[in-house]
Amino acid sequence: MATKAELEAELEALRREVKQYAKESKSRNSDVIPAKSADEPNDTDALKELLDEHGINAESIDAFKGSFLKELTDLQKKNPLVVLVAACALGIIVGRALK
């Protein structure tokens, strides 16, 4: 087991290292992030362009969402046992994944 004097000496050495690192990081100018120019596209614009290339737009996403929710509602009404088993299986999978 380390003595109090050894721990204090190690703590002082670590403090010196932190101060030295802080001085070095202040002296470097590489930490500055360059600003985007006005002619560069935004991430949202790039995403919209990518979705448009594949024929997906906001209207088709809304239509898909509506039909998907309607099908899930109908499935719940027609086969509640299947929905219950699927929900339990999904819960087990998510629970195992988060462990």
PDB file of N, CA and C in Angstrom:
ATOM      1  N   MET A   1       0.847  -1.163   0.000  1.00  0.00           N
ATOM      2  CA  MET A   1       0.000   0.000   0.000  1.00  0.00           C
ATOM      3  C   MET A   1       0.899   1.234   0.000  1.00  0.00           C
ATOM      4  N   ALA A   2       0.486   2.225  -0.797  1.00  0.00           N
ATOM      5  CA  ALA A   2       1.292   3.442  -0.938  1.00  0.00           C
ATOM      6  C   ALA A   2       1.130   4.331   0.290  1.00  0.00           C
ATOM      7  N   THR A   3       2.206   5.010   0.606  1.00  0.00           N
ATOM      8  CA  THR A   3       2.154   5.918   1.746  1.00  0.00           C
ATOM      9  C   THR A   3       1.610   7.272   1.302  1.00  0.00           C
ATOM     10  N   LYS A   4       1.281   8.092   2.294  1.00  0.00           N
ATOM     11  CA  LYS A   4       0.733   9.402   2.004  1.00  0.00           C
ATOM     12  C   LYS A   4       1.750  10.258   1.260  1.00  0.00           C
ATOM     13  N   ALA A   5       3.005  10.176   1.619  1.00  0.00           N
ATOM     14  CA  ALA A   5       4.052  10.957   0.965  1.00  0.00           C
ATOM     15  C   ALA A   5       4.206  10.564  -0.499  1.00  0.00           C
ATOM     16  N   GLU A   6       4.129   9.254  -0.791  1.00  0.00           N
ATOM     17  CA  GLU A   6       4.234   8.788  -2.166  1.00  0.00           C
ATOM     18  C   GLU A   6       3.057   9.281  -2.999  1.00  0.00           C
ATOM     19  N   LEU A   7       1.867   9.222  -2.425  1.00  0.00           N
ATOM     20  CA  LEU A   7       0.686   9.681  -3.147  1.00  0.00           C
ATOM     21  C   LEU A   7       0.734  11.185  -3.409  1.00  0.00           C
ATOM     22  N   GLU A   8       1.201  11.956  -2.426  1.00  0.00           N
ATOM     23  CA  GLU A   8       1.308  13.399  -2.619  1.00  0.00           C
ATOM     24  C   GLU A   8       2.345  13.734  -3.686  1.00  0.00           C
ATOM     25  N   ALA A   9       3.447  13.007  -3.722  1.00  0.00           N
ATOM     26  CA  ALA A   9       4.467  13.233  -4.737  1.00  0.00           C
ATOM     27  C   ALA A   9       3.917  12.918  -6.128  1.00  0.00           C
ATOM     28  N   GLU A  10       3.180  11.829  -6.240  1.00  0.00           N
ATOM     29  CA  GLU A  10       2.582  11.462  -7.522  1.00  0.00           C
ATOM     30  C   GLU A  10       1.548  12.499  -7.951  1.00  0.00           C
ATOM     31  N   LEU A  11       0.767  13.003  -7.008  1.00  0.00           N
ATOM     32  CA  LEU A  11      -0.226  14.025  -7.299  1.00  0.00           C
ATOM     33  C   LEU A  11       0.446  15.301  -7.802  1.00  0.00           C
ATOM     34  N   GLU A  12       1.539  15.688  -7.184  1.00  0.00           N
ATOM     35  CA  GLU A  12       2.267  16.881  -7.602  1.00  0.00           C
ATOM     36  C   GLU A  12       2.837  16.709  -9.007  1.00  0.00           C
ATOM     37  N   ALA A  13       3.331  15.523  -9.316  1.00  0.00           N
ATOM     38  CA  ALA A  13       3.849  15.251 -10.659  1.00  0.00           C
ATOM     39  C   ALA A  13       2.735  15.329 -11.695  1.00  0.00           C
ATOM     40  N   LEU A  14       1.584  14.815 -11.364  1.00  0.00           N
ATOM     41  CA  LEU A  14       0.449  14.884 -12.279  1.00  0.00           C
ATOM     42  C   LEU A  14      -0.012  16.323 -12.491  1.00  0.00           C
ATOM     43  N   ARG A  15       0.015  17.118 -11.443  1.00  0.00           N
ATOM     44  CA  ARG A  15      -0.363  18.534 -11.575  1.00  0.00           C
ATOM     45  C   ARG A  15       0.603  19.264 -12.503  1.00  0.00           C
ATOM     46  N   ARG A  16       1.908  18.972 -12.394  1.00  0.00           N
ATOM     47  CA  ARG A  16       2.885  19.594 -13.278  1.00  0.00           C
ATOM     48  C   ARG A  16       2.633  19.197 -14.732  1.00  0.00           C
ATOM     49  N   GLU A  17       2.296  17.927 -14.959  1.00  0.00           N
ATOM     50  CA  GLU A  17       2.007  17.459 -16.314  1.00  0.00           C
ATOM     51  C   GLU A  17       0.782  18.156 -16.890  1.00  0.00           C
ATOM     52  N   VAL A  18      -0.238  18.345 -16.063  1.00  0.00           N
ATOM     53  CA  VAL A  18      -1.456  19.013 -16.529  1.00  0.00           C
ATOM     54  C   VAL A  18      -1.155  20.460 -16.896  1.00  0.00           C
ATOM     55  N   LYS A  19      -0.373  21.154 -16.073  1.00  0.00           N
ATOM     56  CA  LYS A  19      -0.010  22.542 -16.369  1.00  0.00           C
ATOM     57  C   LYS A  19       0.797  22.629 -17.663  1.00  0.00           C
ATOM     58  N   GLN A  20       1.732  21.695 -17.853  1.00  0.00           N
ATOM     59  CA  GLN A  20       2.550  21.694 -19.057  1.00  0.00           C
ATOM     60  C   GLN A  20       1.675  21.432 -20.284  1.00  0.00           C
ATOM     61  N   TYR A  21       0.738  20.507 -20.177  1.00  0.00           N
ATOM     62  CA  TYR A  21      -0.145  20.204 -21.293  1.00  0.00           C
ATOM     63  C   TYR A  21      -1.020  21.403 -21.619  1.00  0.00           C
ATOM     64  N   ALA A  22      -1.500  22.113 -20.593  1.00  0.00           N
ATOM     65  CA  ALA A  22      -2.328  23.290 -20.828  1.00  0.00           C
ATOM     66  C   ALA A  22      -1.540  24.374 -21.551  1.00  0.00           C
ATOM     67  N   LYS A  23      -0.273  24.575 -21.182  1.00  0.00           N
ATOM     68  CA  LYS A  23       0.558  25.566 -21.852  1.00  0.00           C
ATOM     69  C   LYS A  23       0.790  25.194 -23.308  1.00  0.00           C
ATOM     70  N   GLU A  24       1.037  23.911 -23.571  1.00  0.00           N
ATOM     71  CA  GLU A  24       1.266  23.456 -24.935  1.00  0.00           C
ATOM     72  C   GLU A  24       0.020  23.600 -25.787  1.00  0.00           C
ATOM     73  N   SER A  25      -1.127  23.306 -25.228  1.00  0.00           N
ATOM     74  CA  SER A  25      -2.363  23.396 -26.011  1.00  0.00           C
ATOM     75  C   SER A  25      -2.731  24.841 -26.311  1.00  0.00           C
ATOM     76  N   LYS A  26      -2.371  25.761 -25.409  1.00  0.00           N
ATOM     77  CA  LYS A  26      -2.634  27.176 -25.673  1.00  0.00           C
ATOM     78  C   LYS A  26      -1.725  27.692 -26.774  1.00  0.00           C
ATOM     79  N   SER A  27      -0.513  27.187 -26.843  1.00  0.00           N
ATOM     80  CA  SER A  27       0.437  27.663 -27.835  1.00  0.00           C
ATOM     81  C   SER A  27       0.114  27.150 -29.239  1.00  0.00           C
ATOM     82  N   ARG A  28      -0.572  26.022 -29.323  1.00  0.00           N
ATOM     83  CA  ARG A  28      -0.935  25.470 -30.633  1.00  0.00           C
ATOM     84  C   ARG A  28      -2.141  26.202 -31.197  1.00  0.00           C
ATOM     85  N   ASN A  29      -2.131  26.447 -32.492  1.00  0.00           N
ATOM     86  CA  ASN A  29      -3.272  27.071 -33.162  1.00  0.00           C
ATOM     87  C   ASN A  29      -4.078  26.050 -33.946  1.00  0.00           C
ATOM     88  N   SER A  30      -3.718  24.776 -33.846  1.00  0.00           N
ATOM     89  CA  SER A  30      -4.412  23.750 -34.610  1.00  0.00           C
ATOM     90  C   SER A  30      -5.771  23.411 -34.037  1.00  0.00           C
ATOM     91  N   ASP A  31      -6.082  23.893 -32.840  1.00  0.00           N
ATOM     92  CA  ASP A  31      -7.372  23.605 -32.223  1.00  0.00           C
ATOM     93  C   ASP A  31      -8.491  24.450 -32.809  1.00  0.00           C
ATOM     94  N   VAL A  32      -8.155  25.465 -33.592  1.00  0.00           N
ATOM     95  CA  VAL A  32      -9.155  26.352 -34.158  1.00  0.00           C
ATOM     96  C   VAL A  32      -9.850  25.634 -35.307  1.00  0.00           C
ATOM     97  N   ILE A  33     -11.164  25.596 -35.263  1.00  0.00           N
ATOM     98  CA  ILE A  33     -11.949  24.939 -36.298  1.00  0.00           C
ATOM     99  C   ILE A  33     -12.283  25.976 -37.359  1.00  0.00           C
ATOM    100  N   PRO A  34     -11.942  25.721 -38.614  1.00  0.00           N
ATOM    101  CA  PRO A  34     -12.232  26.709 -39.642  1.00  0.00           C
ATOM    102  C   PRO A  34     -13.735  26.812 -39.887  1.00  0.00           C
ATOM    103  N   ALA A  35     -14.183  28.023 -40.131  1.00  0.00           N
ATOM    104  CA  ALA A  35     -15.605  28.248 -40.389  1.00  0.00           C
ATOM    105  C   ALA A  35     -15.931  27.805 -41.807  1.00  0.00           C
ATOM    106  N   LYS A  36     -17.172  27.349 -41.997  1.00  0.00           N
ATOM    107  CA  LYS A  36     -17.604  26.942 -43.327  1.00  0.00           C
ATOM    108  C   LYS A  36     -17.873  28.187 -44.161  1.00  0.00           C
ATOM    109  N   SER A  37     -17.500  28.105 -45.400  1.00  0.00           N
ATOM    110  CA  SER A  37     -17.778  29.229 -46.283  1.00  0.00           C
ATOM    111  C   SER A  37     -19.227  29.177 -46.723  1.00  0.00           C
ATOM    112  N   ALA A  38     -19.719  30.273 -47.259  1.00  0.00           N
ATOM    113  CA  ALA A  38     -21.132  30.374 -47.621  1.00  0.00           C
ATOM    114  C   ALA A  38     -21.487  29.479 -48.797  1.00  0.00           C
ATOM    115  N   ASP A  39     -20.510  29.168 -49.669  1.00  0.00           N
ATOM    116  CA  ASP A  39     -20.820  28.356 -50.841  1.00  0.00           C
ATOM    117  C   ASP A  39     -20.822  26.858 -50.554  1.00  0.00           C
ATOM    118  N   GLU A  40     -20.369  26.426 -49.377  1.00  0.00           N
ATOM    119  CA  GLU A  40     -20.406  25.008 -49.023  1.00  0.00           C
ATOM    120  C   GLU A  40     -21.824  24.629 -48.605  1.00  0.00           C
ATOM    121  N   PRO A  41     -22.323  23.468 -49.061  1.00  0.00           N
ATOM    122  CA  PRO A  41     -23.689  23.078 -48.702  1.00  0.00           C
ATOM    123  C   PRO A  41     -23.795  22.650 -47.247  1.00  0.00           C
ATOM    124  N   ASN A  42     -24.955  22.888 -46.668  1.00  0.00           N
ATOM    125  CA  ASN A  42     -25.217  22.441 -45.295  1.00  0.00           C
ATOM    126  C   ASN A  42     -25.424  20.941 -45.287  1.00  0.00           C
ATOM    127  N   ASP A  43     -25.372  20.354 -44.104  1.00  0.00           N
ATOM    128  CA  ASP A  43     -25.641  18.924 -43.981  1.00  0.00           C
ATOM    129  C   ASP A  43     -27.079  18.617 -44.345  1.00  0.00           C
ATOM    130  N   THR A  44     -28.001  19.504 -43.978  1.00  0.00           N
ATOM    131  CA  THR A  44     -29.413  19.263 -44.296  1.00  0.00           C
ATOM    132  C   THR A  44     -29.649  19.338 -45.793  1.00  0.00           C
ATOM    133  N   ASP A  45     -28.964  20.267 -46.482  1.00  0.00           N
ATOM    134  CA  ASP A  45     -29.111  20.358 -47.930  1.00  0.00           C
ATOM    135  C   ASP A  45     -28.565  19.104 -48.597  1.00  0.00           C
ATOM    136  N   ALA A  46     -27.442  18.620 -48.101  1.00  0.00           N
ATOM    137  CA  ALA A  46     -26.852  17.407 -48.666  1.00  0.00           C
ATOM    138  C   ALA A  46     -27.766  16.207 -48.449  1.00  0.00           C
ATOM    139  N   LEU A  47     -28.401  16.145 -47.277  1.00  0.00           N
ATOM    140  CA  LEU A  47     -29.317  15.043 -46.992  1.00  0.00           C
ATOM    141  C   LEU A  47     -30.540  15.113 -47.904  1.00  0.00           C
ATOM    142  N   LYS A  48     -31.073  16.309 -48.109  1.00  0.00           N
ATOM    143  CA  LYS A  48     -32.225  16.471 -48.999  1.00  0.00           C
ATOM    144  C   LYS A  48     -31.872  16.054 -50.423  1.00  0.00           C
ATOM    145  N   GLU A  49     -30.683  16.445 -50.874  1.00  0.00           N
ATOM    146  CA  GLU A  49     -30.255  16.058 -52.216  1.00  0.00           C
ATOM    147  C   GLU A  49     -30.115  14.541 -52.340  1.00  0.00           C
ATOM    148  N   LEU A  50     -29.560  13.914 -51.320  1.00  0.00           N
ATOM    149  CA  LEU A  50     -29.383  12.463 -51.338  1.00  0.00           C
ATOM    150  C   LEU A  50     -30.729  11.754 -51.368  1.00  0.00           C
ATOM    151  N   LEU A  51     -31.677  12.220 -50.569  1.00  0.00           N
ATOM    152  CA  LEU A  51     -33.002  11.617 -50.567  1.00  0.00           C
ATOM    153  C   LEU A  51     -33.708  11.838 -51.894  1.00  0.00           C
ATOM    154  N   ASP A  52     -33.542  13.015 -52.480  1.00  0.00           N
ATOM    155  CA  ASP A  52     -34.163  13.286 -53.780  1.00  0.00           C
ATOM    156  C   ASP A  52     -33.591  12.389 -54.864  1.00  0.00           C
ATOM    157  N   GLU A  53     -32.298  12.073 -54.787  1.00  0.00           N
ATOM    158  CA  GLU A  53     -31.687  11.180 -55.773  1.00  0.00           C
ATOM    159  C   GLU A  53     -32.334   9.803 -55.749  1.00  0.00           C
ATOM    160  N   HIS A  54     -32.798   9.381 -54.577  1.00  0.00           N
ATOM    161  CA  HIS A  54     -33.410   8.063 -54.446  1.00  0.00           C
ATOM    162  C   HIS A  54     -34.926   8.119 -54.534  1.00  0.00           C
ATOM    163  N   GLY A  55     -35.476   9.276 -54.863  1.00  0.00           N
ATOM    164  CA  GLY A  55     -36.911   9.408 -55.047  1.00  0.00           C
ATOM    165  C   GLY A  55     -37.693   9.478 -53.754  1.00  0.00           C
ATOM    166  N   ILE A  56     -37.072   9.919 -52.697  1.00  0.00           N
ATOM    167  CA  ILE A  56     -37.745  10.030 -51.411  1.00  0.00           C
ATOM    168  C   ILE A  56     -37.876  11.510 -51.070  1.00  0.00           C
ATOM    169  N   ASN A  57     -39.101  11.922 -50.750  1.00  0.00           N
ATOM    170  CA  ASN A  57     -39.318  13.294 -50.318  1.00  0.00           C
ATOM    171  C   ASN A  57     -40.216  13.293 -49.090  1.00  0.00           C
ATOM    172  N   ALA A  58     -40.514  14.461 -48.577  1.00  0.00           N
ATOM    173  CA  ALA A  58     -41.290  14.557 -47.338  1.00  0.00           C
ATOM    174  C   ALA A  58     -42.687  13.975 -47.501  1.00  0.00           C
ATOM    175  N   GLU A  59     -43.291  14.161 -48.674  1.00  0.00           N
ATOM    176  CA  GLU A  59     -44.644  13.639 -48.895  1.00  0.00           C
ATOM    177  C   GLU A  59     -44.660  12.114 -48.875  1.00  0.00           C
ATOM    178  N   SER A  60     -43.659  11.487 -49.488  1.00  0.00           N
ATOM    179  CA  SER A  60     -43.641  10.020 -49.503  1.00  0.00           C
ATOM    180  C   SER A  60     -43.349   9.464 -48.110  1.00  0.00           C
ATOM    181  N   ILE A  61     -42.550  10.177 -47.326  1.00  0.00           N
ATOM    182  CA  ILE A  61     -42.277   9.737 -45.956  1.00  0.00           C
ATOM    183  C   ILE A  61     -43.541   9.833 -45.114  1.00  0.00           C
ATOM    184  N   ASP A  62     -44.286  10.922 -45.257  1.00  0.00           N
ATOM    185  CA  ASP A  62     -45.545  11.069 -44.518  1.00  0.00           C
ATOM    186  C   ASP A  62     -46.555  10.009 -44.927  1.00  0.00           C
ATOM    187  N   ALA A  63     -46.631   9.710 -46.222  1.00  0.00           N
ATOM    188  CA  ALA A  63     -47.559   8.684 -46.696  1.00  0.00           C
ATOM    189  C   ALA A  63     -47.171   7.315 -46.147  1.00  0.00           C
ATOM    190  N   PHE A  64     -45.860   7.020 -46.146  1.00  0.00           N
ATOM    191  CA  PHE A  64     -45.391   5.742 -45.606  1.00  0.00           C
ATOM    192  C   PHE A  64     -45.715   5.637 -44.124  1.00  0.00           C
ATOM    193  N   LYS A  65     -45.489   6.718 -43.381  1.00  0.00           N
ATOM    194  CA  LYS A  65     -45.763   6.710 -41.942  1.00  0.00           C
ATOM    195  C   LYS A  65     -47.240   6.447 -41.685  1.00  0.00           C
ATOM    196  N   GLY A  66     -48.099   7.105 -42.439  1.00  0.00           N
ATOM    197  CA  GLY A  66     -49.535   6.905 -42.252  1.00  0.00           C
ATOM    198  C   GLY A  66     -49.966   5.480 -42.557  1.00  0.00           C
ATOM    199  N   SER A  67     -49.474   4.923 -43.660  1.00  0.00           N
ATOM    200  CA  SER A  67     -49.868   3.557 -44.019  1.00  0.00           C
ATOM    201  C   SER A  67     -49.279   2.539 -43.044  1.00  0.00           C
ATOM    202  N   PHE A  68     -48.054   2.792 -42.568  1.00  0.00           N
ATOM    203  CA  PHE A  68     -47.417   1.877 -41.626  1.00  0.00           C
ATOM    204  C   PHE A  68     -48.185   1.841 -40.307  1.00  0.00           C
ATOM    205  N   LEU A  69     -48.560   3.009 -39.797  1.00  0.00           N
ATOM    206  CA  LEU A  69     -49.322   3.058 -38.552  1.00  0.00           C
ATOM    207  C   LEU A  69     -50.697   2.416 -38.713  1.00  0.00           C
ATOM    208  N   LYS A  70     -51.326   2.591 -39.869  1.00  0.00           N
ATOM    209  CA  LYS A  70     -52.635   1.966 -40.118  1.00  0.00           C
ATOM    210  C   LYS A  70     -52.495   0.449 -40.144  1.00  0.00           C
ATOM    211  N   GLU A  71     -51.451  -0.054 -40.786  1.00  0.00           N
ATOM    212  CA  GLU A  71     -51.245  -1.499 -40.830  1.00  0.00           C
ATOM    213  C   GLU A  71     -50.966  -2.071 -39.445  1.00  0.00           C
ATOM    214  N   LEU A  72     -50.188  -1.366 -38.627  1.00  0.00           N
ATOM    215  CA  LEU A  72     -49.933  -1.833 -37.264  1.00  0.00           C
ATOM    216  C   LEU A  72     -51.214  -1.846 -36.431  1.00  0.00           C
ATOM    217  N   THR A  73     -52.046  -0.841 -36.608  1.00  0.00           N
ATOM    218  CA  THR A  73     -53.319  -0.794 -35.881  1.00  0.00           C
ATOM    219  C   THR A  73     -54.221  -1.945 -36.302  1.00  0.00           C
ATOM    220  N   ASP A  74     -54.273  -2.199 -37.611  1.00  0.00           N
ATOM    221  CA  ASP A  74     -55.085  -3.313 -38.096  1.00  0.00           C
ATOM    222  C   ASP A  74     -54.546  -4.651 -37.605  1.00  0.00           C
ATOM    223  N   LEU A  75     -53.241  -4.806 -37.574  1.00  0.00           N
ATOM    224  CA  LEU A  75     -52.637  -6.046 -37.096  1.00  0.00           C
ATOM    225  C   LEU A  75     -52.965  -6.268 -35.624  1.00  0.00           C
ATOM    226  N   GLN A  76     -52.947  -5.203 -34.849  1.00  0.00           N
ATOM    227  CA  GLN A  76     -53.263  -5.313 -33.426  1.00  0.00           C
ATOM    228  C   GLN A  76     -54.713  -5.752 -33.225  1.00  0.00           C
ATOM    229  N   LYS A  77     -55.590  -5.259 -34.055  1.00  0.00           N
ATOM    230  CA  LYS A  77     -57.000  -5.622 -33.918  1.00  0.00           C
ATOM    231  C   LYS A  77     -57.260  -7.054 -34.389  1.00  0.00           C
ATOM    232  N   LYS A  78     -56.584  -7.467 -35.458  1.00  0.00           N
ATOM    233  CA  LYS A  78     -56.823  -8.792 -36.021  1.00  0.00           C
ATOM    234  C   LYS A  78     -56.081  -9.894 -35.263  1.00  0.00           C
ATOM    235  N   ASN A  79     -54.839  -9.657 -34.893  1.00  0.00           N
ATOM    236  CA  ASN A  79     -54.000 -10.669 -34.251  1.00  0.00           C
ATOM    237  C   ASN A  79     -53.306 -10.089 -33.021  1.00  0.00           C
ATOM    238  N   PRO A  80     -54.016  -9.930 -31.926  1.00  0.00           N
ATOM    239  CA  PRO A  80     -53.386  -9.320 -30.748  1.00  0.00           C
ATOM    240  C   PRO A  80     -52.293 -10.193 -30.136  1.00  0.00           C
ATOM    241  N   LEU A  81     -52.419 -11.507 -30.265  1.00  0.00           N
ATOM    242  CA  LEU A  81     -51.420 -12.399 -29.695  1.00  0.00           C
ATOM    243  C   LEU A  81     -50.080 -12.250 -30.416  1.00  0.00           C
ATOM    244  N   VAL A  82     -50.110 -12.079 -31.726  1.00  0.00           N
ATOM    245  CA  VAL A  82     -48.884 -11.892 -32.501  1.00  0.00           C
ATOM    246  C   VAL A  82     -48.187 -10.604 -32.080  1.00  0.00           C
ATOM    247  N   VAL A  83     -48.975  -9.550 -31.884  1.00  0.00           N
ATOM    248  CA  VAL A  83     -48.410  -8.265 -31.473  1.00  0.00           C
ATOM    249  C   VAL A  83     -47.789  -8.391 -30.083  1.00  0.00           C
ATOM    250  N   LEU A  84     -48.457  -9.105 -29.188  1.00  0.00           N
ATOM    251  CA  LEU A  84     -47.947  -9.291 -27.839  1.00  0.00           C
ATOM    252  C   LEU A  84     -46.628 -10.061 -27.851  1.00  0.00           C
ATOM    253  N   VAL A  85     -46.560 -11.122 -28.618  1.00  0.00           N
ATOM    254  CA  VAL A  85     -45.332 -11.914 -28.709  1.00  0.00           C
ATOM    255  C   VAL A  85     -44.213 -11.091 -29.337  1.00  0.00           C
ATOM    256  N   ALA A  86     -44.524 -10.316 -30.379  1.00  0.00           N
ATOM    257  CA  ALA A  86     -43.515  -9.483 -31.029  1.00  0.00           C
ATOM    258  C   ALA A  86     -43.001  -8.414 -30.068  1.00  0.00           C
ATOM    259  N   ALA A  87     -43.888  -7.817 -29.280  1.00  0.00           N
ATOM    260  CA  ALA A  87     -43.466  -6.798 -28.313  1.00  0.00           C
ATOM    261  C   ALA A  87     -42.565  -7.406 -27.238  1.00  0.00           C
ATOM    262  N   CYS A  88     -42.904  -8.601 -26.773  1.00  0.00           N
ATOM    263  CA  CYS A  88     -42.066  -9.271 -25.779  1.00  0.00           C
ATOM    264  C   CYS A  88     -40.694  -9.615 -26.361  1.00  0.00           C
ATOM    265  N   ALA A  89     -40.677 -10.125 -27.581  1.00  0.00           N
ATOM    266  CA  ALA A  89     -39.408 -10.475 -28.223  1.00  0.00           C
ATOM    267  C   ALA A  89     -38.548  -9.228 -28.424  1.00  0.00           C
ATOM    268  N   LEU A  90     -39.168  -8.140 -28.856  1.00  0.00           N
ATOM    269  CA  LEU A  90     -38.429  -6.898 -29.036  1.00  0.00           C
ATOM    270  C   LEU A  90     -37.883  -6.382 -27.708  1.00  0.00           C
ATOM    271  N   GLY A  91     -38.671  -6.494 -26.648  1.00  0.00           N
ATOM    272  CA  GLY A  91     -38.206  -6.082 -25.326  1.00  0.00           C
ATOM    273  C   GLY A  91     -37.031  -6.909 -24.845  1.00  0.00           C
ATOM    274  N   ILE A  92     -37.070  -8.202 -25.090  1.00  0.00           N
ATOM    275  CA  ILE A  92     -35.959  -9.072 -24.692  1.00  0.00           C
ATOM    276  C   ILE A  92     -34.701  -8.727 -25.479  1.00  0.00           C
ATOM    277  N   ILE A  93     -34.857  -8.502 -26.779  1.00  0.00           N
ATOM    278  CA  ILE A  93     -33.706  -8.158 -27.628  1.00  0.00           C
ATOM    279  C   ILE A  93     -33.084  -6.844 -27.188  1.00  0.00           C
ATOM    280  N   VAL A  94     -33.907  -5.846 -26.952  1.00  0.00           N
ATOM    281  CA  VAL A  94     -33.389  -4.541 -26.526  1.00  0.00           C
ATOM    282  C   VAL A  94     -32.743  -4.665 -25.149  1.00  0.00           C
ATOM    283  N   GLY A  95     -33.361  -5.424 -24.263  1.00  0.00           N
ATOM    284  CA  GLY A  95     -32.799  -5.607 -22.929  1.00  0.00           C
ATOM    285  C   GLY A  95     -31.443  -6.291 -22.960  1.00  0.00           C
ATOM    286  N   ARG A  96     -31.305  -7.275 -23.815  1.00  0.00           N
ATOM    287  CA  ARG A  96     -30.016  -7.971 -23.944  1.00  0.00           C
ATOM    288  C   ARG A  96     -28.960  -7.068 -24.575  1.00  0.00           C
ATOM    289  N   ALA A  97     -29.405  -6.248 -25.519  1.00  0.00           N
ATOM    290  CA  ALA A  97     -28.462  -5.362 -26.222  1.00  0.00           C
ATOM    291  C   ALA A  97     -27.928  -4.289 -25.279  1.00  0.00           C
ATOM    292  N   LEU A  98     -28.726  -3.863 -24.335  1.00  0.00           N
ATOM    293  CA  LEU A  98     -28.324  -2.792 -23.424  1.00  0.00           C
ATOM    294  C   LEU A  98     -27.526  -3.294 -22.232  1.00  0.00           C
ATOM    295  N   LYS A  99     -27.399  -4.593 -22.061  1.00  0.00           N
ATOM    296  CA  LYS A  99     -26.646  -5.133 -20.929  1.00  0.00           C
ATOM    297  C   LYS A  99     -25.197  -4.858 -21.062  1.00  0.00           C
TER     298      LYS A  99
END
